[in-house]
C-alpha atoms as a PDB file:
ATOM      1  CA  MET A   1      20.648  10.212   9.269  1.00  0.00           C
ATOM      2  CA  VAL A   2      23.016   9.824   6.252  1.00  0.00           C
ATOM      3  CA  GLY A   3      23.053   7.783   3.459  1.00  0.00           C
ATOM      4  CA  LEU A   4      19.034   6.871   3.296  1.00  0.00           C
ATOM      5  CA  MET A   5      19.007   6.230  -0.628  1.00  0.00           C
ATOM      6  CA  VAL A   6      21.636   3.786  -1.271  1.00  0.00           C
ATOM      7  CA  ILE A   7      20.208   0.971  -3.433  1.00  0.00           C
ATOM      8  CA  GLU A   8      23.058  -1.493  -3.463  1.00  0.00           C
ATOM      9  CA  THR A   9      21.247  -4.790  -3.681  1.00  0.00           C
ATOM     10  CA  VAL A  10      24.756  -7.276  -4.329  1.00  0.00           C
ATOM     11  CA  PRO A  11      26.983  -8.577  -1.657  1.00  0.00           C
ATOM     12  CA  ARG A  12      29.509  -6.224  -0.496  1.00  0.00           C
ATOM     13  CA  GLY A  13      32.014  -9.463  -0.073  1.00  0.00           C
ATOM     14  CA  ARG A  14      32.713 -12.613  -1.886  1.00  0.00           C
ATOM     15  CA  GLY A  15      31.221 -15.500  -0.602  1.00  0.00           C
ATOM     16  CA  ARG A  16      28.679 -17.839  -0.998  1.00  0.00           C
ATOM     17  CA  PRO A  17      25.904 -17.494  -3.287  1.00  0.00           C
ATOM     18  CA  ARG A  18      22.699 -15.684  -1.392  1.00  0.00           C
ATOM     19  CA  GLN A  19      19.970 -18.163  -0.677  1.00  0.00           C
ATOM     20  CA  PHE A  20      17.141 -15.923  -0.336  1.00  0.00           C
ATOM     21  CA  ASP A  21      14.753 -13.882  -2.963  1.00  0.00           C
ATOM     22  CA  THR A  22      15.418 -10.458  -2.845  1.00  0.00           C
ATOM     23  CA  ASP A  23      11.894  -8.878  -3.946  1.00  0.00           C
ATOM     24  CA  GLU A  24      10.272 -11.305  -0.665  1.00  0.00           C
ATOM     25  CA  VAL A  25      12.990  -9.553   1.218  1.00  0.00           C
ATOM     26  CA  LEU A  26      12.290  -6.277   0.124  1.00  0.00           C
ATOM     27  CA  ASN A  27       8.764  -7.053   0.714  1.00  0.00           C
ATOM     28  CA  ASN A  28       9.124  -8.193   4.224  1.00  0.00           C
ATOM     29  CA  LEU A  29      11.028  -4.821   5.023  1.00  0.00           C
ATOM     30  CA  VAL A  30       8.222  -2.873   3.384  1.00  0.00           C
ATOM     31  CA  ASP A  31       5.826  -4.555   5.559  1.00  0.00           C
ATOM     32  CA  LEU A  32       7.653  -3.678   8.797  1.00  0.00           C
ATOM     33  CA  PHE A  33       8.286  -0.158   8.076  1.00  0.00           C
ATOM     34  CA  TRP A  34       4.979   0.362   6.862  1.00  0.00           C
ATOM     35  CA  GLU A  35       3.825  -1.359   9.809  1.00  0.00           C
ATOM     36  CA  LYS A  36       6.108   0.346  12.502  1.00  0.00           C
ATOM     37  CA  GLY A  37       7.850   3.214  11.284  1.00  0.00           C
ATOM     38  CA  TYR A  38      11.798   3.896  10.593  1.00  0.00           C
ATOM     39  CA  ALA A  39      12.743   4.742  14.373  1.00  0.00           C
ATOM     40  CA  ALA A  40      10.560   2.057  15.953  1.00  0.00           C
ATOM     41  CA  ALA A  41      12.089  -0.928  13.838  1.00  0.00           C
ATOM     42  CA  SER A  42      14.999  -2.383  15.539  1.00  0.00           C
ATOM     43  CA  MET A  43      17.299  -4.279  13.849  1.00  0.00           C
ATOM     44  CA  THR A  44      15.834  -7.423  15.820  1.00  0.00           C
ATOM     45  CA  ASP A  45      12.414  -6.740  14.189  1.00  0.00           C
ATOM     46  CA  ILE A  46      14.132  -6.707  11.034  1.00  0.00           C
ATOM     47  CA  VAL A  47      15.951 -10.017  11.481  1.00  0.00           C
ATOM     48  CA  GLU A  48      12.537 -11.551  12.622  1.00  0.00           C
ATOM     49  CA  ALA A  49      10.355  -9.869   9.343  1.00  0.00           C
ATOM     50  CA  THR A  50      13.122 -11.071   6.589  1.00  0.00           C
ATOM     51  CA  GLY A  51      14.351 -14.454   8.210  1.00  0.00           C
ATOM     52  CA  LEU A  52      17.704 -13.510   7.724  1.00  0.00           C
ATOM     53  CA  ASN A  53      20.608 -13.306  10.206  1.00  0.00           C
ATOM     54  CA  LYS A  54      21.894  -9.654  10.447  1.00  0.00           C
ATOM     55  CA  SER A  55      25.533 -10.661   8.662  1.00  0.00           C
ATOM     56  CA  SER A  56      23.550 -11.183   5.907  1.00  0.00           C
ATOM     57  CA  LEU A  57      21.359  -8.504   6.187  1.00  0.00           C
ATOM     58  CA  TYR A  58      24.371  -6.057   6.683  1.00  0.00           C
ATOM     59  CA  ASN A  59      26.296  -8.068   3.541  1.00  0.00           C
ATOM     60  CA  SER A  60      23.482  -7.734   1.069  1.00  0.00           C
ATOM     61  CA  PHE A  61      21.317  -4.632   2.547  1.00  0.00           C
ATOM     62  CA  GLY A  62      23.769  -2.622   4.136  1.00  0.00           C
ATOM     63  CA  SER A  63      22.733  -0.286   7.482  1.00  0.00           C
ATOM     64  CA  LYS A  64      19.373  -0.161   8.669  1.00  0.00           C
ATOM     65  CA  GLU A  65      19.342   3.375   7.147  1.00  0.00           C
ATOM     66  CA  GLU A  66      20.275   1.382   3.533  1.00  0.00           C
ATOM     67  CA  MET A  67      17.501  -0.798   4.122  1.00  0.00           C
ATOM     68  CA  PHE A  68      15.107   1.662   4.703  1.00  0.00           C
ATOM     69  CA  GLY A  69      15.999   3.069   1.331  1.00  0.00           C
ATOM     70  CA  LEU A  70      15.752   0.099  -0.330  1.00  0.00           C
ATOM     71  CA  ALA A  71      11.958  -0.520   1.290  1.00  0.00           C
ATOM     72  CA  ILE A  72      11.152   2.529   0.140  1.00  0.00           C
ATOM     73  CA  ASP A  73      12.551   2.342  -3.245  1.00  0.00           C
ATOM     74  CA  HIS A  74      10.516  -0.886  -3.596  1.00  0.00           C
ATOM     75  CA  TYR A  75       7.383   0.785  -2.472  1.00  0.00           C
ATOM     76  CA  LEU A  76       7.600   3.787  -4.612  1.00  0.00           C
ATOM     77  CA  SER A  77       8.387   1.548  -7.903  1.00  0.00           C
ATOM     78  CA  MET A  78       4.961  -0.575  -6.995  1.00  0.00           C
ATOM     79  CA  ARG A  79       2.738   2.610  -6.286  1.00  0.00           C
ATOM     80  CA  THR A  80       4.340   4.425  -9.196  1.00  0.00           C
ATOM     81  CA  ALA A  81       3.047   1.725 -11.704  1.00  0.00           C
ATOM     82  CA  ALA A  82      -0.530   2.395 -10.827  1.00  0.00           C
ATOM     83  CA  LEU A  83      -0.099   5.876 -11.408  1.00  0.00           C
ATOM     84  CA  HIS A  84       1.919   5.263 -14.562  1.00  0.00           C
ATOM     85  CA  GLY A  85      -1.442   3.529 -15.785  1.00  0.00           C
ATOM     86  CA  VAL A  86      -3.373   6.557 -15.409  1.00  0.00           C
ATOM     87  CA  ARG A  87      -0.672   8.752 -17.058  1.00  0.00           C
ATOM     88  CA  ASP A  88      -0.777   6.421 -19.977  1.00  0.00           C
ATOM     89  CA  GLY A  89      -4.241   5.789 -20.147  1.00  0.00           C
ATOM     90  CA  THR A  90      -6.474   6.451 -22.817  1.00  0.00           C
ATOM     91  CA  SER A  91      -9.073   8.340 -21.435  1.00  0.00           C
ATOM     92  CA  GLY A  92      -9.404  11.875 -19.182  1.00  0.00           C
ATOM     93  CA  LEU A  93     -11.850  12.391 -16.494  1.00  0.00           C
ATOM     94  CA  GLU A  94     -12.542   8.457 -16.831  1.00  0.00           C
ATOM     95  CA  ASP A  95      -9.083   7.275 -15.756  1.00  0.00           C
ATOM     96  CA  VAL A  96      -8.931  10.091 -12.994  1.00  0.00           C
ATOM     97  CA  PHE A  97     -12.231   8.244 -11.198  1.00  0.00           C
ATOM     98  CA  ALA A  98     -10.695   5.030 -11.727  1.00  0.00           C
ATOM     99  CA  PHE A  99      -8.066   5.696  -9.685  1.00  0.00           C
ATOM    100  CA  ILE A 100      -9.670   7.769  -7.184  1.00  0.00           C
ATOM    101  CA  ASP A 101     -11.765   4.542  -6.684  1.00  0.00           C
ATOM    102  CA  ALA A 102      -8.721   2.219  -6.654  1.00  0.00           C
ATOM    103  CA  VAL A 103      -7.332   4.778  -3.979  1.00  0.00           C
ATOM    104  CA  TYR A 104     -10.816   3.950  -2.029  1.00  0.00           C
ATOM    105  CA  GLN A 105     -10.651   0.262  -2.233  1.00  0.00           C
ATOM    106  CA  GLU A 106      -7.147   0.519  -0.858  1.00  0.00           C
ATOM    107  CA  SER A 107      -7.996   2.940   1.911  1.00  0.00           C
ATOM    108  CA  THR A 108     -11.263   0.962   3.166  1.00  0.00           C
ATOM    109  CA  GLY A 109      -9.502  -2.351   2.619  1.00  0.00           C
ATOM    110  CA  PRO A 110      -8.005  -4.720   5.606  1.00  0.00           C
ATOM    111  CA  MET A 111      -4.509  -2.665   5.473  1.00  0.00           C
ATOM    112  CA  ARG A 112      -6.290   0.938   5.148  1.00  0.00           C
ATOM    113  CA  SER A 113      -5.032   1.817   8.988  1.00  0.00           C
ATOM    114  CA  ARG A 114      -1.098   1.828   7.266  1.00  0.00           C
ATOM    115  CA  GLY A 115      -1.926   4.932   5.202  1.00  0.00           C
ATOM    116  CA  CYS A 116       0.832   5.538   2.732  1.00  0.00           C
ATOM    117  CA  LEU A 117       4.670   4.437   3.283  1.00  0.00           C
ATOM    118  CA  ALA A 118       5.756   7.329   1.517  1.00  0.00           C
ATOM    119  CA  VAL A 119       3.721   9.857   3.334  1.00  0.00           C
ATOM    120  CA  ASN A 120       3.938   8.526   6.737  1.00  0.00           C
ATOM    121  CA  SER A 121       7.869   8.453   6.492  1.00  0.00           C
ATOM    122  CA  THR A 122       7.792  11.886   5.256  1.00  0.00           C
ATOM    123  CA  THR A 123       5.902  13.228   8.071  1.00  0.00           C
ATOM    124  CA  GLU A 124       8.082  10.939  10.586  1.00  0.00           C
ATOM    125  CA  LEU A 125      11.532  11.828   8.838  1.00  0.00           C
ATOM    126  CA  GLY A 126      10.501  15.380   7.826  1.00  0.00           C
ATOM    127  CA  ASN A 127      13.098  17.407   6.566  1.00  0.00           C
ATOM    128  CA  ARG A 128      15.845  15.915   8.604  1.00  0.00           C
ATOM    129  CA  ASP A 129      16.641  13.923   5.885  1.00  0.00           C
ATOM    130  CA  ASP A 130      18.046  15.590   2.411  1.00  0.00           C
ATOM    131  CA  ALA A 131      17.255  11.905   0.849  1.00  0.00           C
ATOM    132  CA  MET A 132      13.736  11.563   2.852  1.00  0.00           C
ATOM    133  CA  VAL A 133      13.063  15.151   1.220  1.00  0.00           C
ATOM    134  CA  ALA A 134      13.973  13.736  -2.032  1.00  0.00           C
ATOM    135  CA  ILE A 135      11.690  10.728  -1.867  1.00  0.00           C
ATOM    136  CA  SER A 136       8.913  12.931  -1.084  1.00  0.00           C
ATOM    137  CA  ALA A 137       9.581  15.222  -4.009  1.00  0.00           C
ATOM    138  CA  ARG A 138       9.802  12.082  -6.463  1.00  0.00           C
ATOM    139  CA  PHE A 139       6.499  10.833  -5.226  1.00  0.00           C
ATOM    140  CA  ARG A 140       4.578  14.080  -5.240  1.00  0.00           C
ATOM    141  CA  ASP A 141       6.453  14.627  -8.978  1.00  0.00           C
ATOM    142  CA  GLU A 142       4.859  11.077  -9.726  1.00  0.00           C
ATOM    143  CA  ILE A 143       1.277  11.791  -8.741  1.00  0.00           C
ATOM    144  CA  ARG A 144       1.639  15.304 -10.213  1.00  0.00           C
ATOM    145  CA  THR A 145       2.956  13.758 -13.609  1.00  0.00           C
ATOM    146  CA  SER A 146       0.319  11.025 -13.691  1.00  0.00           C
ATOM    147  CA  MET A 147      -2.683  13.665 -13.202  1.00  0.00           C
ATOM    148  CA  ARG A 148      -1.767  16.077 -15.431  1.00  0.00           C
ATOM    149  CA  ALA A 149      -1.715  13.761 -18.080  1.00  0.00           C
ATOM    150  CA  ALA A 150      -5.183  12.402 -17.361  1.00  0.00           C
ATOM    151  CA  LEU A 151      -6.395  16.244 -17.374  1.00  0.00           C
ATOM    152  CA  GLN A 152      -4.514  17.300 -20.201  1.00  0.00           C
ATOM    153  CA  ARG A 153      -6.809  14.394 -22.332  1.00  0.00           C
ATOM    154  CA  ALA A 154      -9.748  15.596 -20.685  1.00  0.00           C
ATOM    155  CA  ALA A 155      -9.205  18.976 -21.692  1.00  0.00           C
ATOM    156  CA  ALA A 156      -8.221  17.912 -25.391  1.00  0.00           C
ATOM    157  CA  VAL A 157     -11.305  16.349 -25.697  1.00  0.00           C
ATOM    158  CA  GLY A 158     -13.349  19.158 -24.055  1.00  0.00           C
ATOM    159  CA  GLU A 159     -14.258  17.693 -20.669  1.00  0.00           C
ATOM    160  CA  ILE A 160     -12.655  20.509 -18.862  1.00  0.00           C
ATOM    161  CA  ARG A 161     -11.088  24.071 -19.227  1.00  0.00           C
ATOM    162  CA  GLY A 162      -7.730  23.647 -20.819  1.00  0.00           C
ATOM    163  CA  GLU A 163      -6.234  26.738 -18.776  1.00  0.00           C
ATOM    164  CA  ALA A 164      -7.409  24.783 -15.565  1.00  0.00           C
ATOM    165  CA  VAL A 165      -5.414  21.805 -15.696  1.00  0.00           C
ATOM    166  CA  GLY A 166      -2.674  22.934 -13.660  1.00  0.00           C
ATOM    167  CA  HIS A 167      -4.500  24.283 -10.695  1.00  0.00           C
ATOM    168  CA  TYR A 168      -7.066  20.951 -11.121  1.00  0.00           C
ATOM    169  CA  THR A 169      -3.477  18.976 -10.908  1.00  0.00           C
ATOM    170  CA  GLU A 170      -2.472  20.500  -7.447  1.00  0.00           C
ATOM    171  CA  THR A 171      -6.049  20.117  -6.260  1.00  0.00           C
ATOM    172  CA  LEU A 172      -5.489  15.933  -6.735  1.00  0.00           C
ATOM    173  CA  VAL A 173      -2.185  16.213  -5.381  1.00  0.00           C
ATOM    174  CA  SER A 174      -2.998  17.594  -2.332  1.00  0.00           C
ATOM    175  CA  PHE A 175      -6.109  15.547  -2.116  1.00  0.00           C
ATOM    176  CA  MET A 176      -3.948  12.322  -2.522  1.00  0.00           C
ATOM    177  CA  LEU A 177      -1.158  13.252   0.405  1.00  0.00           C
ATOM    178  CA  SER A 178      -3.906  14.927   2.740  1.00  0.00           C
ATOM    179  CA  LEU A 179      -6.301  11.707   2.502  1.00  0.00           C
ATOM    180  CA  ALA A 180      -3.038   9.480   3.478  1.00  0.00           C
ATOM    181  CA  VAL A 181      -2.484  11.473   6.592  1.00  0.00           C
ATOM    182  CA  ILE A 182      -6.363  11.150   7.820  1.00  0.00           C
ATOM    183  CA  VAL A 183      -6.614   7.414   7.070  1.00  0.00           C
ATOM    184  CA  ARG A 184      -3.003   6.812   8.616  1.00  0.00           C
ATOM    185  CA  GLY A 185      -4.541   9.065  11.889  1.00  0.00           C
ATOM    186  CA  GLY A 186      -7.354   6.498  12.059  1.00  0.00           C
ATOM    187  CA  ALA A 187     -10.496   8.142  10.254  1.00  0.00           C
ATOM    188  CA  ASP A 188     -13.132   5.731  10.666  1.00  0.00           C
ATOM    189  CA  HIS A 189     -14.835   4.501   7.423  1.00  0.00           C
ATOM    190  CA  SER A 190     -17.638   7.293   7.583  1.00  0.00           C
ATOM    191  CA  GLU A 191     -15.115  10.045   7.417  1.00  0.00           C
ATOM    192  CA  VAL A 192     -13.419   8.446   4.397  1.00  0.00           C
ATOM    193  CA  GLU A 193     -16.425   7.686   2.913  1.00  0.00           C
ATOM    194  CA  ASP A 194     -17.022  11.572   3.151  1.00  0.00           C
ATOM    195  CA  GLN A 195     -13.535  12.472   1.946  1.00  0.00           C
ATOM    196  CA  PHE A 196     -13.972  10.596  -1.273  1.00  0.00           C
ATOM    197  CA  ALA A 197     -17.514  11.535  -1.797  1.00  0.00           C
ATOM    198  CA  ALA A 198     -16.260  15.131  -1.915  1.00  0.00           C
ATOM    199  CA  ILE A 199     -13.274  14.459  -4.130  1.00  0.00           C
ATOM    200  CA  ARG A 200     -15.712  12.664  -6.527  1.00  0.00           C
ATOM    201  CA  SER A 201     -18.139  15.765  -6.278  1.00  0.00           C
ATOM    202  CA  LEU A 202     -15.150  17.943  -6.985  1.00  0.00           C
ATOM    203  CA  VAL A 203     -13.780  16.603  -9.948  1.00  0.00           C
ATOM    204  CA  ASP A 204     -17.358  16.322 -11.442  1.00  0.00           C
ATOM    205  CA  SER A 205     -17.647  19.676 -11.136  1.00  0.00           C
ATOM    206  CA  TRP A 206     -14.743  20.401 -13.452  1.00  0.00           C
ATOM    207  CA  ARG A 207     -16.983  19.434 -16.283  1.00  0.00           C
ATOM    208  CA  THR A 208     -17.882  21.977 -18.959  1.00  0.00           C
ATOM    209  CA  ALA A 209     -21.319  22.779 -19.644  1.00  0.00           C
ATOM    210  CA  SER A 210     -22.119  20.414 -22.594  1.00  0.00           C
END
């Protein structure tokens, strides 16, 4: 695959102004690729999902590869907004638990079977595309930066040991990514409950003795 991360959103030639909402189209593309994956989503599927004809799609969003890149970029911008809430929070472990609880609600909600689009795409395309490798690294870094910030706040007020922040951060990154695979793989509610109970218990065990 070539050119996955091109994110040009302006029309490629002159003509009538676009008569559609770009964010709405991107949301529809996200939903489509999230449900079907990259390979299984045909141009017919894309036309049906967006309500635009092929000419409008190609002129405004480029090839299927470019549309996928735009959809992933749009998805990550939404996901990282939640992560930034943890990164920029004012508490330590409380912010970590709040994020875990938010992920729990998502993982047990109506769309739980979809998992995470970024992780799904990484497992589908793997290292066959340099742009997908970059996307995966970017997503891991967003999780890592946000979790580290909250854990550093926890260490600053004595909730956890400062020297363990790095290891704890990587543990949370691994949990978030592996959980997405487990959910996408069809884990039932009780298994997902057990996963979250385990991570909550683990994080709670990081507390220093009072």
